[in-house]
Each structure stands twice: as structure tokens, then as C-alpha cells.
Amino acid sequence: MVKWVLTLLIAIFLLGILTPHLARFIRFGRLPGDLALRFRGRVYHFPFVSVLLLSLLLWLLTRLV
């Protein structure tokens, strides 16, 4: 049980570090269909298509494994 928790914590830590760097290359959040709204000087991002695409890829990955 402790090994799984430790593995999960390390995976979340690594994803937190790598995600901003990988987002520049795969254009996550900038695909057609993703919304960026400006309201009172702030920009709010709603990556609808990116989340759908990522969910589809993860679903396919789980089906293959």
C-alpha cells in the first residue's frame, strides 16, 4: 500500500513539473474549440477540445493495456 502511495505522489510531482514545459510543444489549451475569455483584465482559459482529446487518448491507452 505504501509503495502505491509513494508511486502516485512521485507521478503527480513529476507531472506538475513537466506539464508547463510540455504544454508549449503540444499546444494544450490552444486547439480550435478551446476558449479564452478576457474579463476585467484577467484571461480565463476553458480547454474543452484539449480535455476531450486527452480523455480520448487516455481511454485508448487503457484499452490497449
PDB file of N, CA and C in Angstrom:
ATOM      1  N   MET A   1       0.823  -1.193   0.000  1.00  0.00           N
ATOM      2  CA  MET A   1       0.000   0.000   0.000  1.00  0.00           C
ATOM      3  C   MET A   1       0.869   1.259   0.000  1.00  0.00           C
ATOM      4  N   VAL A   2       1.924   1.245   0.785  1.00  0.00           N
ATOM      5  CA  VAL A   2       2.801   2.410   0.882  1.00  0.00           C
ATOM      6  C   VAL A   2       3.530   2.641  -0.443  1.00  0.00           C
ATOM      7  N   LYS A   3       3.886   1.557  -1.133  1.00  0.00           N
ATOM      8  CA  LYS A   3       4.566   1.699  -2.423  1.00  0.00           C
ATOM      9  C   LYS A   3       3.666   2.389  -3.446  1.00  0.00           C
ATOM     10  N   TRP A   4       2.380   2.054  -3.458  1.00  0.00           N
ATOM     11  CA  TRP A   4       1.452   2.680  -4.403  1.00  0.00           C
ATOM     12  C   TRP A   4       1.268   4.155  -4.101  1.00  0.00           C
ATOM     13  N   VAL A   5       1.163   4.499  -2.846  1.00  0.00           N
ATOM     14  CA  VAL A   5       1.001   5.909  -2.468  1.00  0.00           C
ATOM     15  C   VAL A   5       2.255   6.697  -2.834  1.00  0.00           C
ATOM     16  N   LEU A   6       3.416   6.128  -2.575  1.00  0.00           N
ATOM     17  CA  LEU A   6       4.667   6.793  -2.920  1.00  0.00           C
ATOM     18  C   LEU A   6       4.804   6.948  -4.433  1.00  0.00           C
ATOM     19  N   THR A   7       4.438   5.925  -5.185  1.00  0.00           N
ATOM     20  CA  THR A   7       4.486   5.998  -6.643  1.00  0.00           C
ATOM     21  C   THR A   7       3.527   7.064  -7.161  1.00  0.00           C
ATOM     22  N   LEU A   8       2.336   7.123  -6.601  1.00  0.00           N
ATOM     23  CA  LEU A   8       1.359   8.122  -7.008  1.00  0.00           C
ATOM     24  C   LEU A   8       1.847   9.535  -6.703  1.00  0.00           C
ATOM     25  N   LEU A   9       2.422   9.750  -5.550  1.00  0.00           N
ATOM     26  CA  LEU A   9       2.949  11.070  -5.196  1.00  0.00           C
ATOM     27  C   LEU A   9       4.093  11.489  -6.114  1.00  0.00           C
ATOM     28  N   ILE A  10       4.966  10.571  -6.448  1.00  0.00           N
ATOM     29  CA  ILE A  10       6.079  10.890  -7.351  1.00  0.00           C
ATOM     30  C   ILE A  10       5.552  11.202  -8.747  1.00  0.00           C
ATOM     31  N   ALA A  11       4.560  10.444  -9.205  1.00  0.00           N
ATOM     32  CA  ALA A  11       3.986  10.689 -10.531  1.00  0.00           C
ATOM     33  C   ALA A  11       3.304  12.052 -10.589  1.00  0.00           C
ATOM     34  N   ILE A  12       2.556  12.409  -9.561  1.00  0.00           N
ATOM     35  CA  ILE A  12       1.897  13.719  -9.525  1.00  0.00           C
ATOM     36  C   ILE A  12       2.933  14.833  -9.468  1.00  0.00           C
ATOM     37  N   PHE A  13       3.982  14.646  -8.710  1.00  0.00           N
ATOM     38  CA  PHE A  13       5.049  15.648  -8.623  1.00  0.00           C
ATOM     39  C   PHE A  13       5.715  15.849  -9.982  1.00  0.00           C
ATOM     40  N   LEU A  14       6.055  14.752 -10.664  1.00  0.00           N
ATOM     41  CA  LEU A  14       6.694  14.860 -11.973  1.00  0.00           C
ATOM     42  C   LEU A  14       5.765  15.473 -13.016  1.00  0.00           C
ATOM     43  N   LEU A  15       4.483  15.113 -12.984  1.00  0.00           N
ATOM     44  CA  LEU A  15       3.532  15.718 -13.911  1.00  0.00           C
ATOM     45  C   LEU A  15       3.388  17.215 -13.660  1.00  0.00           C
ATOM     46  N   GLY A  16       3.412  17.618 -12.419  1.00  0.00           N
ATOM     47  CA  GLY A  16       3.329  19.038 -12.088  1.00  0.00           C
ATOM     48  C   GLY A  16       4.521  19.822 -12.597  1.00  0.00           C
ATOM     49  N   ILE A  17       5.677  19.197 -12.605  1.00  0.00           N
ATOM     50  CA  ILE A  17       6.879  19.874 -13.097  1.00  0.00           C
ATOM     51  C   ILE A  17       6.913  19.878 -14.624  1.00  0.00           C
ATOM     52  N   LEU A  18       6.559  18.756 -15.249  1.00  0.00           N
ATOM     53  CA  LEU A  18       6.713  18.624 -16.699  1.00  0.00           C
ATOM     54  C   LEU A  18       5.574  19.226 -17.518  1.00  0.00           C
ATOM     55  N   THR A  19       4.384  19.338 -16.960  1.00  0.00           N
ATOM     56  CA  THR A  19       3.233  19.799 -17.729  1.00  0.00           C
ATOM     57  C   THR A  19       3.409  21.185 -18.343  1.00  0.00           C
ATOM     58  N   PRO A  20       3.878  22.197 -17.609  1.00  0.00           N
ATOM     59  CA  PRO A  20       4.040  23.510 -18.262  1.00  0.00           C
ATOM     60  C   PRO A  20       5.038  23.490 -19.413  1.00  0.00           C
ATOM     61  N   HIS A  21       6.078  22.692 -19.301  1.00  0.00           N
ATOM     62  CA  HIS A  21       7.077  22.625 -20.371  1.00  0.00           C
ATOM     63  C   HIS A  21       6.538  21.872 -21.580  1.00  0.00           C
ATOM     64  N   LEU A  22       5.787  20.795 -21.350  1.00  0.00           N
ATOM     65  CA  LEU A  22       5.212  20.033 -22.450  1.00  0.00           C
ATOM     66  C   LEU A  22       4.069  20.780 -23.132  1.00  0.00           C
ATOM     67  N   ALA A  23       3.383  21.651 -22.396  1.00  0.00           N
ATOM     68  CA  ALA A  23       2.258  22.389 -22.970  1.00  0.00           C
ATOM     69  C   ALA A  23       2.706  23.312 -24.088  1.00  0.00           C
ATOM     70  N   ARG A  24       3.942  23.763 -24.052  1.00  0.00           N
ATOM     71  CA  ARG A  24       4.450  24.618 -25.122  1.00  0.00           C
ATOM     72  C   ARG A  24       4.585  23.847 -26.436  1.00  0.00           C
ATOM     73  N   PHE A  25       4.919  22.581 -26.345  1.00  0.00           N
ATOM     74  CA  PHE A  25       5.168  21.786 -27.538  1.00  0.00           C
ATOM     75  C   PHE A  25       3.909  21.162 -28.124  1.00  0.00           C
ATOM     76  N   ILE A  26       2.967  20.755 -27.277  1.00  0.00           N
ATOM     77  CA  ILE A  26       1.772  20.088 -27.794  1.00  0.00           C
ATOM     78  C   ILE A  26       0.587  21.031 -27.903  1.00  0.00           C
ATOM     79  N   ARG A  27       0.760  22.295 -27.578  1.00  0.00           N
ATOM     80  CA  ARG A  27      -0.265  23.329 -27.707  1.00  0.00           C
ATOM     81  C   ARG A  27      -1.526  22.977 -26.933  1.00  0.00           C
ATOM     82  N   PHE A  28      -1.381  22.402 -25.759  1.00  0.00           N
ATOM     83  CA  PHE A  28      -2.531  22.073 -24.925  1.00  0.00           C
ATOM     84  C   PHE A  28      -3.217  23.364 -24.504  1.00  0.00           C
ATOM     85  N   GLY A  29      -4.507  23.477 -24.744  1.00  0.00           N
ATOM     86  CA  GLY A  29      -5.264  24.666 -24.401  1.00  0.00           C
ATOM     87  C   GLY A  29      -5.339  25.685 -25.513  1.00  0.00           C
ATOM     88  N   ARG A  30      -4.727  25.414 -26.660  1.00  0.00           N
ATOM     89  CA  ARG A  30      -4.757  26.348 -27.788  1.00  0.00           C
ATOM     90  C   ARG A  30      -5.293  25.709 -29.058  1.00  0.00           C
ATOM     91  N   LEU A  31      -5.980  24.602 -28.919  1.00  0.00           N
ATOM     92  CA  LEU A  31      -6.563  23.945 -30.081  1.00  0.00           C
ATOM     93  C   LEU A  31      -7.844  24.667 -30.499  1.00  0.00           C
ATOM     94  N   PRO A  32      -8.278  24.503 -31.753  1.00  0.00           N
ATOM     95  CA  PRO A  32      -9.560  25.089 -32.146  1.00  0.00           C
ATOM     96  C   PRO A  32     -10.681  24.494 -31.289  1.00  0.00           C
ATOM     97  N   GLY A  33     -11.498  25.337 -30.726  1.00  0.00           N
ATOM     98  CA  GLY A  33     -12.565  24.885 -29.837  1.00  0.00           C
ATOM     99  C   GLY A  33     -12.270  25.173 -28.385  1.00  0.00           C
ATOM    100  N   ASP A  34     -11.054  25.533 -28.059  1.00  0.00           N
ATOM    101  CA  ASP A  34     -10.701  25.951 -26.704  1.00  0.00           C
ATOM    102  C   ASP A  34     -10.997  27.441 -26.572  1.00  0.00           C
ATOM    103  N   LEU A  35     -11.577  27.823 -25.476  1.00  0.00           N
ATOM    104  CA  LEU A  35     -11.976  29.214 -25.281  1.00  0.00           C
ATOM    105  C   LEU A  35     -11.018  29.940 -24.357  1.00  0.00           C
ATOM    106  N   ALA A  36     -10.770  31.200 -24.675  1.00  0.00           N
ATOM    107  CA  ALA A  36     -10.002  32.081 -23.801  1.00  0.00           C
ATOM    108  C   ALA A  36     -10.795  33.371 -23.685  1.00  0.00           C
ATOM    109  N   LEU A  37     -11.323  33.632 -22.498  1.00  0.00           N
ATOM    110  CA  LEU A  37     -12.154  34.810 -22.279  1.00  0.00           C
ATOM    111  C   LEU A  37     -11.397  35.826 -21.426  1.00  0.00           C
ATOM    112  N   ARG A  38     -11.514  37.089 -21.815  1.00  0.00           N
ATOM    113  CA  ARG A  38     -10.899  38.168 -21.053  1.00  0.00           C
ATOM    114  C   ARG A  38     -12.013  38.901 -20.312  1.00  0.00           C
ATOM    115  N   PHE A  39     -11.892  38.962 -18.989  1.00  0.00           N
ATOM    116  CA  PHE A  39     -12.904  39.606 -18.155  1.00  0.00           C
ATOM    117  C   PHE A  39     -12.211  40.388 -17.058  1.00  0.00           C
ATOM    118  N   ARG A  40     -12.427  41.689 -17.037  1.00  0.00           N
ATOM    119  CA  ARG A  40     -11.848  42.590 -16.041  1.00  0.00           C
ATOM    120  C   ARG A  40     -10.337  42.472 -15.941  1.00  0.00           C
ATOM    121  N   GLY A  41      -9.687  42.398 -17.082  1.00  0.00           N
ATOM    122  CA  GLY A  41      -8.229  42.372 -17.110  1.00  0.00           C
ATOM    123  C   GLY A  41      -7.599  41.015 -16.861  1.00  0.00           C
ATOM    124  N   ARG A  42      -8.403  39.991 -16.676  1.00  0.00           N
ATOM    125  CA  ARG A  42      -7.880  38.639 -16.477  1.00  0.00           C
ATOM    126  C   ARG A  42      -8.294  37.764 -17.642  1.00  0.00           C
ATOM    127  N   VAL A  43      -7.486  36.769 -17.933  1.00  0.00           N
ATOM    128  CA  VAL A  43      -7.791  35.831 -19.014  1.00  0.00           C
ATOM    129  C   VAL A  43      -8.141  34.485 -18.386  1.00  0.00           C
ATOM    130  N   TYR A  44      -9.302  33.960 -18.759  1.00  0.00           N
ATOM    131  CA  TYR A  44      -9.759  32.667 -18.276  1.00  0.00           C
ATOM    132  C   TYR A  44      -9.740  31.690 -19.449  1.00  0.00           C
ATOM    133  N   HIS A  45      -9.098  30.546 -19.248  1.00  0.00           N
ATOM    134  CA  HIS A  45      -8.970  29.539 -20.296  1.00  0.00           C
ATOM    135  C   HIS A  45      -9.910  28.376 -20.009  1.00  0.00           C
ATOM    136  N   PHE A  46     -10.620  27.936 -21.049  1.00  0.00           N
ATOM    137  CA  PHE A  46     -11.506  26.783 -20.966  1.00  0.00           C
ATOM    138  C   PHE A  46     -11.127  25.824 -22.095  1.00  0.00           C
ATOM    139  N   PRO A  47     -10.233  24.866 -21.819  1.00  0.00           N
ATOM    140  CA  PRO A  47      -9.715  23.978 -22.879  1.00  0.00           C
ATOM    141  C   PRO A  47     -10.628  22.784 -23.135  1.00  0.00           C
ATOM    142  N   PHE A  48     -11.801  23.031 -23.707  1.00  0.00           N
ATOM    143  CA  PHE A  48     -12.776  21.965 -23.934  1.00  0.00           C
ATOM    144  C   PHE A  48     -12.249  20.885 -24.876  1.00  0.00           C
ATOM    145  N   VAL A  49     -11.756  21.268 -26.020  1.00  0.00           N
ATOM    146  CA  VAL A  49     -11.300  20.300 -27.018  1.00  0.00           C
ATOM    147  C   VAL A  49     -10.038  19.588 -26.541  1.00  0.00           C
ATOM    148  N   SER A  50      -9.155  20.307 -25.885  1.00  0.00           N
ATOM    149  CA  SER A  50      -7.930  19.683 -25.380  1.00  0.00           C
ATOM    150  C   SER A  50      -8.244  18.603 -24.354  1.00  0.00           C
ATOM    151  N   VAL A  51      -9.202  18.866 -23.476  1.00  0.00           N
ATOM    152  CA  VAL A  51      -9.579  17.882 -22.461  1.00  0.00           C
ATOM    153  C   VAL A  51     -10.237  16.670 -23.120  1.00  0.00           C
ATOM    154  N   LEU A  52     -11.084  16.906 -24.116  1.00  0.00           N
ATOM    155  CA  LEU A  52     -11.706  15.780 -24.822  1.00  0.00           C
ATOM    156  C   LEU A  52     -10.662  14.925 -25.533  1.00  0.00           C
ATOM    157  N   LEU A  53      -9.711  15.577 -26.175  1.00  0.00           N
ATOM    158  CA  LEU A  53      -8.660  14.841 -26.870  1.00  0.00           C
ATOM    159  C   LEU A  53      -7.792  14.058 -25.891  1.00  0.00           C
ATOM    160  N   LEU A  54      -7.437  14.671 -24.780  1.00  0.00           N
ATOM    161  CA  LEU A  54      -6.641  13.977 -23.774  1.00  0.00           C
ATOM    162  C   LEU A  54      -7.408  12.804 -23.170  1.00  0.00           C
ATOM    163  N   SER A  55      -8.698  12.986 -22.929  1.00  0.00           N
ATOM    164  CA  SER A  55      -9.519  11.891 -22.396  1.00  0.00           C
ATOM    165  C   SER A  55      -9.602  10.737 -23.378  1.00  0.00           C
ATOM    166  N   LEU A  56      -9.736  11.052 -24.665  1.00  0.00           N
ATOM    167  CA  LEU A  56      -9.786  10.008 -25.688  1.00  0.00           C
ATOM    168  C   LEU A  56      -8.469   9.242 -25.755  1.00  0.00           C
ATOM    169  N   LEU A  57      -7.354   9.964 -25.685  1.00  0.00           N
ATOM    170  CA  LEU A  57      -6.049   9.300 -25.714  1.00  0.00           C
ATOM    171  C   LEU A  57      -5.838   8.409 -24.494  1.00  0.00           C
ATOM    172  N   LEU A  58      -6.234   8.882 -23.328  1.00  0.00           N
ATOM    173  CA  LEU A  58      -6.091   8.065 -22.117  1.00  0.00           C
ATOM    174  C   LEU A  58      -7.005   6.847 -22.162  1.00  0.00           C
ATOM    175  N   TRP A  59      -8.216   7.008 -22.703  1.00  0.00           N
ATOM    176  CA  TRP A  59      -9.125   5.881 -22.826  1.00  0.00           C
ATOM    177  C   TRP A  59      -8.547   4.824 -23.766  1.00  0.00           C
ATOM    178  N   LEU A  60      -7.996   5.273 -24.909  1.00  0.00           N
ATOM    179  CA  LEU A  60      -7.371   4.333 -25.837  1.00  0.00           C
ATOM    180  C   LEU A  60      -6.170   3.634 -25.217  1.00  0.00           C
ATOM    181  N   LEU A  61      -5.394   4.372 -24.438  1.00  0.00           N
ATOM    182  CA  LEU A  61      -4.240   3.784 -23.762  1.00  0.00           C
ATOM    183  C   LEU A  61      -4.679   2.711 -22.765  1.00  0.00           C
ATOM    184  N   THR A  62      -5.744   2.961 -22.019  1.00  0.00           N
ATOM    185  CA  THR A  62      -6.206   1.953 -21.053  1.00  0.00           C
ATOM    186  C   THR A  62      -6.786   0.735 -21.766  1.00  0.00           C
ATOM    187  N   ARG A  63      -7.378   0.939 -22.931  1.00  0.00           N
ATOM    188  CA  ARG A  63      -7.912  -0.198 -23.693  1.00  0.00           C
ATOM    189  C   ARG A  63      -6.794  -1.076 -24.244  1.00  0.00           C
ATOM    190  N   LEU A  64      -5.669  -0.472 -24.596  1.00  0.00           N
ATOM    191  CA  LEU A  64      -4.552  -1.235 -25.128  1.00  0.00           C
ATOM    192  C   LEU A  64      -3.785  -1.988 -24.062  1.00  0.00           C
ATOM    193  N   VAL A  65      -3.809  -1.461 -22.860  1.00  0.00           N
ATOM    194  CA  VAL A  65      -3.059  -2.105 -21.757  1.00  0.00           C
ATOM    195  C   VAL A  65      -3.899  -3.093 -21.079  1.00  0.00           C
TER     196      VAL A  65
END
